[in-house]
Amino acid sequence: MDTLIPSLSQLIEFSVAPVFLLTGVAGFLSVMSGRLGRISDRVRVSERRIQTLADPELVERSKQEIIVLWSRVRAANWAIGFCVAAGLMICLVIGALFAGSLLVIDLKIPIILLFVLAMLFLICALVLFLVEVRMATRGIDIVRTIHKPTKNRRGPIPPL
C-alpha cells in the first residue's frame, strides 16, 4: 500500500499536463463553435435578404458573400472535427497512462503515438482556424459599400 501512494501521485503528475492541454482544446472548441454559430446565422440572414433585393449588383454581392460564408462553414466544421479528434486522443493518452500503471503494462509507444496524433490534429485545427479567419477578413471586402480611403502623401497637413 505504501508503494502505491508514490506511484499514484507520480501518475497524477504525469496526467496533469494532458488535462491542461485538454482544457485548452476545449476552450478552442468553444471559440470555433461560437464562430460557426455566427457564420450560420449570417448565412440565414443573407439568404433571406437576397429575396428582397432588386438591384442586380447587390444580389450578385450577396451571392458572393453567401459563397464565402459557406466556405467558412466548411473550414470551421473541419477545424471543429480536428479539434474534437485531438481532444479524444488526449483523453486516450490520459486513459492509457492510468491503464498502463494499473495493469503494469508498458504503454509508452502507444501513449507517444496518441500524443503525437493529438498534436497533429490540433495543428490541423489551428491551420483551418487561420484559414477561416482569413476568409472572414477577405469576405469583408465583398459586403463593404464604403471603400477604404487611400493615403494622400502630398496633401495639406491637417490643423492641430
N, C-alpha and C. Protein backbone atom coordinates (compact mmCIF):
# COMPACT_ATOMS: atom_id res chain seq x y z
N MET A 1 0.83 -1.20 0.00
CA MET A 1 0.00 0.00 0.00
C MET A 1 0.86 1.25 0.00
N ASP A 2 1.99 1.22 0.78
CA ASP A 2 2.86 2.38 0.84
C ASP A 2 3.50 2.68 -0.51
N THR A 3 3.80 1.64 -1.28
CA THR A 3 4.43 1.87 -2.59
C THR A 3 3.42 2.37 -3.62
N LEU A 4 2.14 2.13 -3.37
CA LEU A 4 1.10 2.56 -4.30
C LEU A 4 0.93 4.08 -4.28
N ILE A 5 1.05 4.69 -3.11
CA ILE A 5 0.82 6.14 -2.97
C ILE A 5 1.83 6.95 -3.79
N PRO A 6 3.14 6.70 -3.68
CA PRO A 6 4.07 7.49 -4.50
C PRO A 6 3.84 7.27 -6.00
N SER A 7 3.58 6.04 -6.42
CA SER A 7 3.38 5.81 -7.85
C SER A 7 2.08 6.44 -8.33
N LEU A 8 1.06 6.46 -7.48
CA LEU A 8 -0.21 7.09 -7.84
C LEU A 8 -0.04 8.61 -7.95
N SER A 9 0.68 9.20 -7.02
CA SER A 9 0.89 10.65 -7.09
C SER A 9 1.73 11.01 -8.32
N GLN A 10 2.70 10.16 -8.65
CA GLN A 10 3.51 10.39 -9.84
C GLN A 10 2.65 10.25 -11.09
N LEU A 11 1.74 9.28 -11.11
CA LEU A 11 0.84 9.09 -12.24
C LEU A 11 -0.07 10.30 -12.42
N ILE A 12 -0.56 10.84 -11.32
CA ILE A 12 -1.42 12.03 -11.40
C ILE A 12 -0.60 13.21 -11.92
N GLU A 13 0.64 13.33 -11.50
CA GLU A 13 1.51 14.40 -12.02
C GLU A 13 1.68 14.27 -13.53
N PHE A 14 1.88 13.06 -14.02
CA PHE A 14 2.04 12.84 -15.46
C PHE A 14 0.77 13.16 -16.23
N SER A 15 -0.38 12.94 -15.62
CA SER A 15 -1.64 13.15 -16.34
C SER A 15 -2.12 14.60 -16.27
N VAL A 16 -1.51 15.42 -15.42
CA VAL A 16 -1.95 16.81 -15.28
C VAL A 16 -1.68 17.62 -16.56
N ALA A 17 -0.52 17.44 -17.17
CA ALA A 17 -0.20 18.19 -18.39
C ALA A 17 -1.20 17.90 -19.51
N PRO A 18 -1.53 16.63 -19.79
CA PRO A 18 -2.56 16.40 -20.81
C PRO A 18 -3.92 16.97 -20.43
N VAL A 19 -4.23 17.00 -19.15
CA VAL A 19 -5.51 17.57 -18.72
C VAL A 19 -5.54 19.06 -19.00
N PHE A 20 -4.44 19.76 -18.76
CA PHE A 20 -4.38 21.19 -19.09
C PHE A 20 -4.48 21.40 -20.60
N LEU A 21 -3.83 20.54 -21.36
CA LEU A 21 -3.93 20.60 -22.81
C LEU A 21 -5.38 20.38 -23.25
N LEU A 22 -6.05 19.44 -22.62
CA LEU A 22 -7.46 19.16 -22.92
C LEU A 22 -8.33 20.38 -22.60
N THR A 23 -8.01 21.10 -21.56
CA THR A 23 -8.73 22.32 -21.22
C THR A 23 -8.55 23.38 -22.31
N GLY A 24 -7.32 23.52 -22.80
CA GLY A 24 -7.06 24.46 -23.89
C GLY A 24 -7.80 24.08 -25.16
N VAL A 25 -7.83 22.80 -25.47
CA VAL A 25 -8.56 22.32 -26.65
C VAL A 25 -10.05 22.61 -26.49
N ALA A 26 -10.57 22.40 -25.29
CA ALA A 26 -11.99 22.68 -25.05
C ALA A 26 -12.29 24.17 -25.22
N GLY A 27 -11.39 25.03 -24.78
CA GLY A 27 -11.57 26.47 -24.98
C GLY A 27 -11.56 26.84 -26.46
N PHE A 28 -10.64 26.25 -27.19
CA PHE A 28 -10.56 26.49 -28.63
C PHE A 28 -11.81 25.97 -29.33
N LEU A 29 -12.29 24.82 -28.89
CA LEU A 29 -13.51 24.25 -29.45
C LEU A 29 -14.71 25.16 -29.19
N SER A 30 -14.74 25.78 -28.05
CA SER A 30 -15.80 26.72 -27.73
C SER A 30 -15.76 27.94 -28.65
N VAL A 31 -14.57 28.45 -28.89
CA VAL A 31 -14.41 29.59 -29.80
C VAL A 31 -14.88 29.22 -31.20
N MET A 32 -14.45 28.07 -31.68
CA MET A 32 -14.82 27.65 -33.03
C MET A 32 -16.32 27.40 -33.15
N SER A 33 -16.92 26.83 -32.12
CA SER A 33 -18.37 26.60 -32.15
C SER A 33 -19.12 27.92 -32.18
N GLY A 34 -18.65 28.90 -31.43
CA GLY A 34 -19.26 30.22 -31.45
C GLY A 34 -19.15 30.87 -32.81
N ARG A 35 -17.98 30.75 -33.43
CA ARG A 35 -17.80 31.32 -34.78
C ARG A 35 -18.72 30.62 -35.78
N LEU A 36 -18.82 29.30 -35.68
CA LEU A 36 -19.68 28.56 -36.59
C LEU A 36 -21.13 28.99 -36.43
N GLY A 37 -21.57 29.21 -35.20
CA GLY A 37 -22.93 29.68 -34.97
C GLY A 37 -23.18 31.05 -35.59
N ARG A 38 -22.22 31.94 -35.44
CA ARG A 38 -22.37 33.27 -36.03
C ARG A 38 -22.36 33.23 -37.55
N ILE A 39 -21.52 32.38 -38.12
CA ILE A 39 -21.48 32.25 -39.58
C ILE A 39 -22.81 31.71 -40.08
N SER A 40 -23.34 30.69 -39.40
CA SER A 40 -24.62 30.09 -39.80
C SER A 40 -25.74 31.12 -39.74
N ASP A 41 -25.75 31.93 -38.68
CA ASP A 41 -26.76 32.98 -38.59
C ASP A 41 -26.62 33.97 -39.74
N ARG A 42 -25.39 34.31 -40.07
CA ARG A 42 -25.14 35.25 -41.17
C ARG A 42 -25.61 34.67 -42.51
N VAL A 43 -25.42 33.37 -42.71
CA VAL A 43 -25.89 32.73 -43.94
C VAL A 43 -27.41 32.84 -44.03
N ARG A 44 -28.10 32.55 -42.93
CA ARG A 44 -29.57 32.64 -42.93
C ARG A 44 -30.05 34.04 -43.27
N VAL A 45 -29.42 35.04 -42.64
CA VAL A 45 -29.81 36.43 -42.89
C VAL A 45 -29.55 36.81 -44.35
N SER A 46 -28.39 36.44 -44.87
CA SER A 46 -28.05 36.78 -46.26
C SER A 46 -28.98 36.08 -47.24
N GLU A 47 -29.33 34.83 -46.97
CA GLU A 47 -30.22 34.11 -47.88
C GLU A 47 -31.63 34.69 -47.86
N ARG A 48 -32.07 35.17 -46.69
CA ARG A 48 -33.38 35.82 -46.63
C ARG A 48 -33.35 37.18 -47.30
N ARG A 49 -32.27 37.93 -47.09
CA ARG A 49 -32.15 39.27 -47.63
C ARG A 49 -32.09 39.26 -49.15
N ILE A 50 -31.46 38.26 -49.72
CA ILE A 50 -31.30 38.21 -51.17
C ILE A 50 -32.66 38.16 -51.88
N GLN A 51 -33.68 37.65 -51.19
CA GLN A 51 -35.03 37.58 -51.76
C GLN A 51 -35.64 38.96 -51.94
N THR A 52 -35.22 39.92 -51.10
CA THR A 52 -35.84 41.25 -51.11
C THR A 52 -35.08 42.27 -51.96
N LEU A 53 -33.91 41.90 -52.44
CA LEU A 53 -33.09 42.86 -53.19
C LEU A 53 -33.57 42.98 -54.64
N ALA A 54 -33.55 44.21 -55.13
CA ALA A 54 -33.96 44.46 -56.52
C ALA A 54 -32.75 44.80 -57.40
N ASP A 55 -31.75 45.41 -56.81
CA ASP A 55 -30.56 45.82 -57.56
C ASP A 55 -29.72 44.59 -57.90
N PRO A 56 -29.47 44.31 -59.20
CA PRO A 56 -28.69 43.12 -59.59
C PRO A 56 -27.27 43.11 -59.02
N GLU A 57 -26.68 44.30 -58.86
CA GLU A 57 -25.33 44.36 -58.31
C GLU A 57 -25.33 43.90 -56.84
N LEU A 58 -26.34 44.34 -56.08
CA LEU A 58 -26.43 43.92 -54.68
C LEU A 58 -26.75 42.43 -54.56
N VAL A 59 -27.57 41.92 -55.48
CA VAL A 59 -27.87 40.49 -55.50
C VAL A 59 -26.59 39.69 -55.74
N GLU A 60 -25.79 40.15 -56.70
CA GLU A 60 -24.54 39.46 -57.01
C GLU A 60 -23.58 39.50 -55.83
N ARG A 61 -23.48 40.65 -55.17
CA ARG A 61 -22.64 40.78 -53.98
C ARG A 61 -23.09 39.83 -52.89
N SER A 62 -24.41 39.75 -52.69
CA SER A 62 -24.95 38.86 -51.66
C SER A 62 -24.66 37.40 -51.99
N LYS A 63 -24.75 37.05 -53.26
CA LYS A 63 -24.43 35.68 -53.66
C LYS A 63 -22.96 35.36 -53.38
N GLN A 64 -22.09 36.31 -53.69
CA GLN A 64 -20.66 36.11 -53.42
C GLN A 64 -20.42 35.96 -51.92
N GLU A 65 -21.12 36.78 -51.14
CA GLU A 65 -20.97 36.69 -49.69
C GLU A 65 -21.42 35.32 -49.19
N ILE A 66 -22.52 34.81 -49.70
CA ILE A 66 -23.03 33.51 -49.27
C ILE A 66 -22.04 32.40 -49.64
N ILE A 67 -21.43 32.50 -50.80
CA ILE A 67 -20.42 31.50 -51.21
C ILE A 67 -19.24 31.51 -50.23
N VAL A 68 -18.77 32.70 -49.88
CA VAL A 68 -17.67 32.82 -48.92
C VAL A 68 -18.10 32.28 -47.55
N LEU A 69 -19.32 32.60 -47.14
CA LEU A 69 -19.81 32.12 -45.85
C LEU A 69 -19.87 30.59 -45.80
N TRP A 70 -20.31 29.96 -46.89
CA TRP A 70 -20.35 28.50 -46.92
C TRP A 70 -18.95 27.90 -46.89
N SER A 71 -17.99 28.58 -47.49
CA SER A 71 -16.59 28.12 -47.41
C SER A 71 -16.09 28.22 -45.98
N ARG A 72 -16.48 29.30 -45.31
CA ARG A 72 -16.10 29.46 -43.90
C ARG A 72 -16.76 28.39 -43.04
N VAL A 73 -18.01 28.03 -43.34
CA VAL A 73 -18.69 26.96 -42.59
C VAL A 73 -17.92 25.66 -42.74
N ARG A 74 -17.51 25.34 -43.96
CA ARG A 74 -16.76 24.09 -44.17
C ARG A 74 -15.44 24.11 -43.40
N ALA A 75 -14.71 25.22 -43.46
CA ALA A 75 -13.43 25.32 -42.74
C ALA A 75 -13.64 25.19 -41.24
N ALA A 76 -14.67 25.85 -40.71
CA ALA A 76 -14.95 25.78 -39.28
C ALA A 76 -15.37 24.37 -38.87
N ASN A 77 -16.18 23.71 -39.71
CA ASN A 77 -16.58 22.34 -39.41
C ASN A 77 -15.38 21.41 -39.35
N TRP A 78 -14.48 21.54 -40.32
CA TRP A 78 -13.28 20.71 -40.31
C TRP A 78 -12.40 21.02 -39.10
N ALA A 79 -12.27 22.30 -38.76
CA ALA A 79 -11.46 22.67 -37.59
C ALA A 79 -12.06 22.07 -36.33
N ILE A 80 -13.38 22.13 -36.21
CA ILE A 80 -14.03 21.54 -35.04
C ILE A 80 -13.81 20.03 -35.01
N GLY A 81 -13.92 19.39 -36.17
CA GLY A 81 -13.68 17.94 -36.23
C GLY A 81 -12.27 17.57 -35.80
N PHE A 82 -11.27 18.30 -36.29
CA PHE A 82 -9.89 18.04 -35.89
C PHE A 82 -9.68 18.33 -34.41
N CYS A 83 -10.34 19.36 -33.92
CA CYS A 83 -10.22 19.72 -32.51
C CYS A 83 -10.81 18.62 -31.62
N VAL A 84 -11.96 18.11 -32.01
CA VAL A 84 -12.58 17.01 -31.25
C VAL A 84 -11.69 15.78 -31.32
N ALA A 85 -11.13 15.48 -32.49
CA ALA A 85 -10.23 14.33 -32.61
C ALA A 85 -9.01 14.50 -31.70
N ALA A 86 -8.46 15.72 -31.65
CA ALA A 86 -7.33 15.98 -30.75
C ALA A 86 -7.73 15.76 -29.30
N GLY A 87 -8.91 16.24 -28.92
CA GLY A 87 -9.39 16.03 -27.56
C GLY A 87 -9.56 14.55 -27.23
N LEU A 88 -10.09 13.80 -28.17
CA LEU A 88 -10.25 12.36 -27.95
C LEU A 88 -8.89 11.67 -27.78
N MET A 89 -7.92 12.06 -28.60
CA MET A 89 -6.58 11.47 -28.48
C MET A 89 -5.96 11.81 -27.12
N ILE A 90 -6.17 13.03 -26.65
CA ILE A 90 -5.64 13.42 -25.34
C ILE A 90 -6.32 12.60 -24.23
N CYS A 91 -7.63 12.40 -24.36
CA CYS A 91 -8.33 11.55 -23.39
C CYS A 91 -7.78 10.13 -23.40
N LEU A 92 -7.49 9.61 -24.59
CA LEU A 92 -6.91 8.27 -24.68
C LEU A 92 -5.51 8.23 -24.06
N VAL A 93 -4.75 9.31 -24.19
CA VAL A 93 -3.43 9.38 -23.55
C VAL A 93 -3.60 9.27 -22.05
N ILE A 94 -4.53 10.04 -21.50
CA ILE A 94 -4.75 10.01 -20.04
C ILE A 94 -5.21 8.62 -19.62
N GLY A 95 -6.15 8.04 -20.38
CA GLY A 95 -6.62 6.70 -20.05
C GLY A 95 -5.51 5.66 -20.14
N ALA A 96 -4.67 5.78 -21.15
CA ALA A 96 -3.55 4.84 -21.31
C ALA A 96 -2.54 4.98 -20.19
N LEU A 97 -2.32 6.21 -19.72
CA LEU A 97 -1.41 6.41 -18.58
C LEU A 97 -1.90 5.64 -17.36
N PHE A 98 -3.18 5.78 -17.06
CA PHE A 98 -3.74 5.09 -15.90
C PHE A 98 -3.83 3.58 -16.14
N ALA A 99 -4.25 3.17 -17.33
CA ALA A 99 -4.37 1.73 -17.61
C ALA A 99 -3.00 1.05 -17.55
N GLY A 100 -1.98 1.69 -18.12
CA GLY A 100 -0.64 1.12 -18.09
C GLY A 100 -0.12 0.97 -16.68
N SER A 101 -0.43 1.94 -15.84
CA SER A 101 0.03 1.90 -14.47
C SER A 101 -0.73 0.85 -13.66
N LEU A 102 -2.04 0.81 -13.83
CA LEU A 102 -2.85 -0.15 -13.08
C LEU A 102 -2.61 -1.59 -13.52
N LEU A 103 -2.46 -1.81 -14.81
CA LEU A 103 -2.28 -3.16 -15.34
C LEU A 103 -0.81 -3.56 -15.44
N VAL A 104 0.08 -2.64 -15.07
CA VAL A 104 1.52 -2.83 -15.12
C VAL A 104 1.94 -3.31 -16.52
N ILE A 105 1.53 -2.51 -17.52
CA ILE A 105 1.86 -2.77 -18.91
C ILE A 105 2.65 -1.57 -19.42
N ASP A 106 3.64 -1.83 -20.25
CA ASP A 106 4.43 -0.75 -20.83
C ASP A 106 3.68 -0.21 -22.06
N LEU A 107 3.06 0.95 -21.91
CA LEU A 107 2.30 1.57 -22.98
C LEU A 107 2.97 2.86 -23.48
N LYS A 108 4.30 2.93 -23.34
CA LYS A 108 5.00 4.16 -23.75
C LYS A 108 4.79 4.47 -25.23
N ILE A 109 4.97 3.49 -26.08
CA ILE A 109 4.86 3.71 -27.53
C ILE A 109 3.44 4.14 -27.91
N PRO A 110 2.38 3.42 -27.47
CA PRO A 110 1.03 3.89 -27.80
C PRO A 110 0.73 5.29 -27.25
N ILE A 111 1.22 5.58 -26.06
CA ILE A 111 0.99 6.90 -25.47
C ILE A 111 1.68 7.98 -26.31
N ILE A 112 2.91 7.72 -26.71
CA ILE A 112 3.64 8.68 -27.54
C ILE A 112 2.92 8.88 -28.87
N LEU A 113 2.50 7.78 -29.49
CA LEU A 113 1.80 7.87 -30.77
C LEU A 113 0.49 8.64 -30.64
N LEU A 114 -0.26 8.37 -29.59
CA LEU A 114 -1.53 9.08 -29.37
C LEU A 114 -1.28 10.57 -29.16
N PHE A 115 -0.23 10.89 -28.40
CA PHE A 115 0.08 12.30 -28.14
C PHE A 115 0.50 13.01 -29.42
N VAL A 116 1.35 12.37 -30.23
CA VAL A 116 1.78 12.97 -31.50
C VAL A 116 0.57 13.15 -32.41
N LEU A 117 -0.30 12.15 -32.45
CA LEU A 117 -1.51 12.25 -33.27
C LEU A 117 -2.40 13.40 -32.79
N ALA A 118 -2.51 13.55 -31.47
CA ALA A 118 -3.29 14.66 -30.92
C ALA A 118 -2.71 16.00 -31.36
N MET A 119 -1.37 16.11 -31.33
CA MET A 119 -0.73 17.36 -31.75
C MET A 119 -0.95 17.62 -33.24
N LEU A 120 -0.90 16.58 -34.05
CA LEU A 120 -1.14 16.75 -35.49
C LEU A 120 -2.57 17.22 -35.75
N PHE A 121 -3.53 16.62 -35.04
CA PHE A 121 -4.92 17.05 -35.17
C PHE A 121 -5.09 18.49 -34.72
N LEU A 122 -4.43 18.85 -33.64
CA LEU A 122 -4.53 20.23 -33.13
C LEU A 122 -3.89 21.21 -34.11
N ILE A 123 -2.78 20.83 -34.72
CA ILE A 123 -2.14 21.68 -35.73
C ILE A 123 -3.09 21.89 -36.90
N CYS A 124 -3.72 20.82 -37.36
CA CYS A 124 -4.68 20.93 -38.47
C CYS A 124 -5.83 21.85 -38.10
N ALA A 125 -6.34 21.72 -36.87
CA ALA A 125 -7.44 22.57 -36.42
C ALA A 125 -7.02 24.03 -36.39
N LEU A 126 -5.82 24.30 -35.91
CA LEU A 126 -5.35 25.69 -35.84
C LEU A 126 -5.13 26.27 -37.23
N VAL A 127 -4.61 25.47 -38.15
CA VAL A 127 -4.41 25.95 -39.52
C VAL A 127 -5.76 26.26 -40.15
N LEU A 128 -6.74 25.39 -39.96
CA LEU A 128 -8.08 25.64 -40.50
C LEU A 128 -8.73 26.85 -39.86
N PHE A 129 -8.47 27.07 -38.58
CA PHE A 129 -8.96 28.27 -37.91
C PHE A 129 -8.37 29.51 -38.56
N LEU A 130 -7.07 29.47 -38.85
CA LEU A 130 -6.42 30.58 -39.53
C LEU A 130 -7.02 30.80 -40.92
N VAL A 131 -7.27 29.72 -41.64
CA VAL A 131 -7.89 29.81 -42.96
C VAL A 131 -9.26 30.47 -42.86
N GLU A 132 -10.05 30.04 -41.88
CA GLU A 132 -11.40 30.60 -41.70
C GLU A 132 -11.34 32.08 -41.35
N VAL A 133 -10.42 32.47 -40.51
CA VAL A 133 -10.27 33.88 -40.14
C VAL A 133 -9.84 34.70 -41.36
N ARG A 134 -8.93 34.16 -42.16
CA ARG A 134 -8.51 34.87 -43.38
C ARG A 134 -9.67 35.02 -44.36
N MET A 135 -10.50 33.98 -44.49
CA MET A 135 -11.68 34.09 -45.36
C MET A 135 -12.63 35.15 -44.84
N ALA A 136 -12.79 35.21 -43.52
CA ALA A 136 -13.67 36.23 -42.93
C ALA A 136 -13.15 37.62 -43.23
N THR A 137 -11.84 37.79 -43.12
CA THR A 137 -11.23 39.09 -43.39
C THR A 137 -11.40 39.48 -44.85
N ARG A 138 -11.18 38.53 -45.74
CA ARG A 138 -11.36 38.81 -47.17
C ARG A 138 -12.82 39.02 -47.51
N GLY A 139 -13.71 38.36 -46.81
CA GLY A 139 -15.14 38.48 -47.07
C GLY A 139 -15.69 39.85 -46.74
N ILE A 140 -14.99 40.59 -45.91
CA ILE A 140 -15.43 41.94 -45.57
C ILE A 140 -15.47 42.81 -46.83
N ASP A 141 -14.53 42.61 -47.72
CA ASP A 141 -14.47 43.40 -48.96
C ASP A 141 -15.71 43.21 -49.82
N ILE A 142 -16.33 42.05 -49.75
CA ILE A 142 -17.50 41.77 -50.58
C ILE A 142 -18.69 42.60 -50.15
N VAL A 143 -18.91 42.70 -48.84
CA VAL A 143 -20.09 43.40 -48.36
C VAL A 143 -19.84 44.88 -48.09
N ARG A 144 -18.60 45.30 -48.17
CA ARG A 144 -18.27 46.70 -47.88
C ARG A 144 -18.84 47.59 -48.98
N THR A 145 -19.52 48.65 -48.57
CA THR A 145 -20.05 49.60 -49.55
C THR A 145 -19.24 50.87 -49.58
N ILE A 146 -18.52 51.16 -48.52
CA ILE A 146 -17.65 52.33 -48.48
C ILE A 146 -16.23 51.83 -48.64
N HIS A 147 -15.54 52.33 -49.64
CA HIS A 147 -14.20 51.85 -49.92
C HIS A 147 -13.20 52.48 -48.97
N LYS A 148 -12.16 51.73 -48.73
CA LYS A 148 -11.08 52.17 -47.86
C LYS A 148 -10.43 53.41 -48.47
N PRO A 149 -10.28 54.47 -47.69
CA PRO A 149 -9.66 55.68 -48.25
C PRO A 149 -8.19 55.44 -48.57
N THR A 150 -7.74 56.06 -49.63
CA THR A 150 -6.32 55.96 -49.98
C THR A 150 -5.56 57.07 -49.28
N LYS A 151 -4.33 56.78 -48.98
CA LYS A 151 -3.49 57.78 -48.32
C LYS A 151 -3.01 58.78 -49.35
N ASN A 152 -3.14 60.04 -49.00
CA ASN A 152 -2.65 61.11 -49.86
C ASN A 152 -1.40 61.66 -49.19
N ARG A 153 -0.25 61.26 -49.67
CA ARG A 153 1.00 61.64 -49.04
C ARG A 153 1.38 63.10 -49.29
N ARG A 154 0.86 63.71 -50.35
CA ARG A 154 1.28 65.06 -50.69
C ARG A 154 0.17 66.08 -50.41
N GLY A 155 -0.77 65.74 -49.60
CA GLY A 155 -1.87 66.66 -49.31
C GLY A 155 -1.49 67.64 -48.21
N PRO A 156 -2.39 68.56 -47.93
CA PRO A 156 -2.10 69.52 -46.86
C PRO A 156 -2.08 68.84 -45.50
N ILE A 157 -1.32 69.39 -44.62
CA ILE A 157 -1.23 68.85 -43.26
C ILE A 157 -2.46 69.35 -42.50
N PRO A 158 -3.19 68.44 -41.87
CA PRO A 158 -4.40 68.86 -41.14
C PRO A 158 -4.04 69.75 -39.95
N PRO A 159 -4.93 70.69 -39.61
CA PRO A 159 -4.64 71.55 -38.46
C PRO A 159 -4.67 70.78 -37.16
N LEU A 160 -3.92 71.26 -36.19
CA LEU A 160 -3.88 70.62 -34.88
C LEU A 160 -5.00 70.99 -34.01
